[in-house]
Amino acid sequence: MLDLVFPSRCLGCGRAGRVLCAACEPSVAVVSGPICARCGRPWEEPVATCAECPPREVDAARAPFLYAGPIAAAIKGLKFRGWSRLARHLAGAMAEVWDLEADIVTWVPLARRRQAQRGFDQAQVLARALAPRIGLPVRPLLRRVRDTPQQAKQGPAERRRALSGAFAARRHGGTVLLVDDVLTTGATAAACARASKEAGTDRVVVLTAARAIRSPAPTHARLP
């Protein structure tokens, strides 16, 4: 009934209809092999690690899409325009590329002020949509102990300094799967991983809806 009242809209342009309309579909960049075994970044040839890997606190990372075109627009819509129903589509793609081991799912928590402004935490929505698809429990293992400035215009070193000590974690062993919307430099994920490991976690692996990259994508990173 909700679909009748609020028809599905294109992730990229917002037009009513398919999840991706015919105009936006060819512009989607997907993460397909060969990839970096550690961070999942696509390359022309498989590599064990690469120059764009996140900081060492993150043991591995994966994402189904590159952060560009319609997917970037979709994630911005999820974060800033309240398109929370898109999370189930993004979570479905995330589940399809998940190829690592984990014991529990958690997420990068928003600052309280930003969550109050948006009305929801997009990473939490993604985590709760993802967990049943990959058969893992989901728990709020992390909390922000202080707010941090927007990271978008900061470099990697600035991000790491700004995020130092920003998170605290509940005690949990084993491997934690950390969910967020976008992996950029990995500074936020690393700060969360550091807090988790200080609380007893053995490994932290990251799964995001999209991955930002600094150098051009290989030619095979396109919608199949």
Foldseek 3Di string as FASTA:
>chain_A
DVCVVVPAADLAPGHGDDVHDPVQQFVWFFQDDPAAQAESAHDPHYHPDDPLHADPLARGEHATTACDGSLVSNVCCVQPVVPLVCLLVLLVSLLVPDDDDFAEEEELDADPVSCVVNVHTSQRSNRVSNCVSNPHYYDHFKDFPDHFDDCPPPDPVVLLVRLAPGMAGAADEEEYEYEDAEAESCSSVSSVSVRHVVNHYDHYYYTHHHYYDDDDGDPVRTDD
